[in-house]
C-alpha atoms as a PDB file:
ATOM      1  CA  MET A   1      -0.213   0.189  -0.085  1.00  0.00           C
ATOM      2  CA  SER A   2       1.466   3.297  -0.965  1.00  0.00           C
ATOM      3  CA  GLU A   3       0.219   6.337   0.912  1.00  0.00           C
ATOM      4  CA  LEU A   4       1.127  10.052  -0.404  1.00  0.00           C
ATOM      5  CA  ILE A   5       0.762  12.899   1.677  1.00  0.00           C
ATOM      6  CA  LYS A   6       1.412  16.585   0.174  1.00  0.00           C
ATOM      7  CA  ILE A   7       1.268  19.404   2.117  1.00  0.00           C
ATOM      8  CA  GLU A   8       0.646  22.936   0.314  1.00  0.00           C
ATOM      9  CA  THR A   9       1.831  25.958   2.467  1.00  0.00           C
ATOM     10  CA  ILE A  10      -0.752  28.908   1.961  1.00  0.00           C
ATOM     11  CA  HIS A  11       0.363  30.994   4.992  1.00  0.00           C
ATOM     12  CA  ALA A  12       3.478  30.668   7.117  1.00  0.00           C
ATOM     13  CA  GLY A  13       4.266  33.482   9.811  1.00  0.00           C
ATOM     14  CA  GLN A  14       3.489  36.700  11.171  1.00  0.00           C
ATOM     15  CA  PRO A  15       1.210  38.679   8.910  1.00  0.00           C
ATOM     16  CA  ARG A  16       2.663  42.097  10.541  1.00  0.00           C
ATOM     17  CA  PRO A  17       5.000  42.881  13.371  1.00  0.00           C
ATOM     18  CA  TYR A  18       3.847  41.768  16.971  1.00  0.00           C
ATOM     19  CA  ALA A  19       1.406  39.629  15.675  1.00  0.00           C
ATOM     20  CA  ASP A  20       0.085  35.854  16.125  1.00  0.00           C
ATOM     21  CA  SER A  21       2.017  33.530  13.729  1.00  0.00           C
ATOM     22  CA  ILE A  22      -0.394  32.063  11.364  1.00  0.00           C
ATOM     23  CA  TYR A  23       0.180  28.764   9.576  1.00  0.00           C
ATOM     24  CA  GLU A  24      -2.591  27.568   7.113  1.00  0.00           C
ATOM     25  CA  ALA A  25      -2.072  24.789   4.762  1.00  0.00           C
ATOM     26  CA  VAL A  26      -3.960  22.068   2.560  1.00  0.00           C
ATOM     27  CA  ILE A  27      -3.202  18.639   3.197  1.00  0.00           C
ATOM     28  CA  THR A  28      -3.746  15.901   0.336  1.00  0.00           C
ATOM     29  CA  ILE A  29      -3.536  12.535   1.298  1.00  0.00           C
ATOM     30  CA  THR A  30      -4.042   9.606  -1.433  1.00  0.00           C
ATOM     31  CA  ASN A  31      -4.184   6.053  -1.351  1.00  0.00           C
ATOM     32  CA  ASP A  32      -2.908   3.981  -4.642  1.00  0.00           C
ATOM     33  CA  GLU A  33      -5.228   0.722  -3.405  1.00  0.00           C
ATOM     34  CA  LEU A  34      -7.878   2.368  -1.875  1.00  0.00           C
ATOM     35  CA  PRO A  35      -8.774   5.537  -4.097  1.00  0.00           C
ATOM     36  CA  ASP A  36     -12.125   5.927  -2.493  1.00  0.00           C
ATOM     37  CA  TYR A  37     -11.113   5.662   0.927  1.00  0.00           C
ATOM     38  CA  ASP A  38     -12.130   8.549   3.140  1.00  0.00           C
ATOM     39  CA  ILE A  39      -9.361   9.628   5.826  1.00  0.00           C
ATOM     40  CA  PRO A  40     -10.885  10.378   9.074  1.00  0.00           C
ATOM     41  CA  GLN A  41     -10.146  13.922  10.819  1.00  0.00           C
ATOM     42  CA  LYS A  42      -8.283  12.198  13.595  1.00  0.00           C
ATOM     43  CA  ILE A  43      -5.843  10.845  11.359  1.00  0.00           C
ATOM     44  CA  VAL A  44      -5.333  14.175   9.767  1.00  0.00           C
ATOM     45  CA  GLU A  45      -5.015  15.918  13.133  1.00  0.00           C
ATOM     46  CA  ASN A  46      -2.112  13.327  13.964  1.00  0.00           C
ATOM     47  CA  ILE A  47      -0.330  13.752  10.654  1.00  0.00           C
ATOM     48  CA  VAL A  48      -0.538  17.948  11.000  1.00  0.00           C
ATOM     49  CA  LYS A  49       0.553  17.762  14.842  1.00  0.00           C
ATOM     50  CA  ALA A  50       3.500  15.701  13.595  1.00  0.00           C
ATOM     51  CA  ALA A  51       4.508  17.790  10.708  1.00  0.00           C
ATOM     52  CA  PHE A  52       4.123  21.605  12.047  1.00  0.00           C
ATOM     53  CA  HIS A  53       3.434  22.129  15.744  1.00  0.00           C
ATOM     54  CA  ASN A  54       2.607  19.984  18.836  1.00  0.00           C
ATOM     55  CA  PHE A  55      -0.523  22.263  18.995  1.00  0.00           C
ATOM     56  CA  LYS A  56      -3.716  21.406  21.071  1.00  0.00           C
ATOM     57  CA  LYS A  57      -7.198  22.116  20.040  1.00  0.00           C
ATOM     58  CA  GLN A  58      -8.851  25.620  20.749  1.00  0.00           C
ATOM     59  CA  ASP A  59     -10.873  24.122  23.319  1.00  0.00           C
ATOM     60  CA  GLU A  60      -8.555  22.399  25.620  1.00  0.00           C
ATOM     61  CA  GLU A  61      -6.878  23.482  28.149  1.00  0.00           C
ATOM     62  CA  ARG A  62      -3.539  25.183  27.410  1.00  0.00           C
ATOM     63  CA  GLY A  63      -1.241  27.547  28.079  1.00  0.00           C
ATOM     64  CA  TRP A  64      -1.655  31.288  26.416  1.00  0.00           C
ATOM     65  CA  TRP A  65       1.649  30.424  24.673  1.00  0.00           C
ATOM     66  CA  GLU A  66       1.087  27.423  23.436  1.00  0.00           C
ATOM     67  CA  PRO A  67       0.172  26.824  19.669  1.00  0.00           C
ATOM     68  CA  TYR A  68      -3.892  25.671  18.767  1.00  0.00           C
ATOM     69  CA  LEU A  69      -5.617  24.510  16.035  1.00  0.00           C
ATOM     70  CA  LYS A  70      -7.899  27.282  15.047  1.00  0.00           C
ATOM     71  CA  SER A  71      -9.978  25.340  12.320  1.00  0.00           C
ATOM     72  CA  ILE A  72      -9.990  21.873  10.396  1.00  0.00           C
ATOM     73  CA  GLU A  73     -12.281  21.812   7.338  1.00  0.00           C
ATOM     74  CA  LYS A  74     -12.540  18.886   4.673  1.00  0.00           C
ATOM     75  CA  LEU A  75     -12.421  20.209   0.950  1.00  0.00           C
ATOM     76  CA  ASP A  76     -12.645  16.928  -0.694  1.00  0.00           C
ATOM     77  CA  LYS A  77     -11.910  13.488  -0.084  1.00  0.00           C
ATOM     78  CA  GLY A  78      -8.581  13.280   1.397  1.00  0.00           C
ATOM     79  CA  LYS A  79      -8.020  17.108   0.956  1.00  0.00           C
ATOM     80  CA  TRP A  80      -8.366  18.875   4.300  1.00  0.00           C
ATOM     81  CA  ARG A  81      -7.379  23.018   5.179  1.00  0.00           C
ATOM     82  CA  PHE A  82      -6.205  23.839   8.182  1.00  0.00           C
ATOM     83  CA  ILE A  83      -5.159  26.728  10.412  1.00  0.00           C
ATOM     84  CA  ILE A  84      -2.748  26.595  13.153  1.00  0.00           C
ATOM     85  CA  ILE A  85      -2.190  29.805  15.632  1.00  0.00           C
ATOM     86  CA  GLU A  86       1.121  30.706  17.645  1.00  0.00           C
ATOM     87  CA  GLU A  87       0.212  33.702  20.306  1.00  0.00           C
ATOM     88  CA  TYR A  88       2.901  36.431  19.923  1.00  0.00           C
ATOM     89  CA  ALA A  89       5.288  36.032  22.739  1.00  0.00           C
ATOM     90  CA  ASP A  90       7.911  39.401  23.226  1.00  0.00           C
END
């Protein structure tokens, strides 16, 4: 079984000085042997955690400085868009 994970970065970093860092990307996961397999959101979250930041979900208890997953949305079968926020720390 061969899976291909492709991450396309849309934005990474601060949009202006003293602002929170925003990491926005689209992740596409394909599988040659199971083309109709739909990837569950939990698996996508784990891949994103490993690839970007060890974030927590926005509603989980966390320190103000810890990055958090602002949103994750399914765009298509095997294709997800996500945004991670890392608050500005001086």
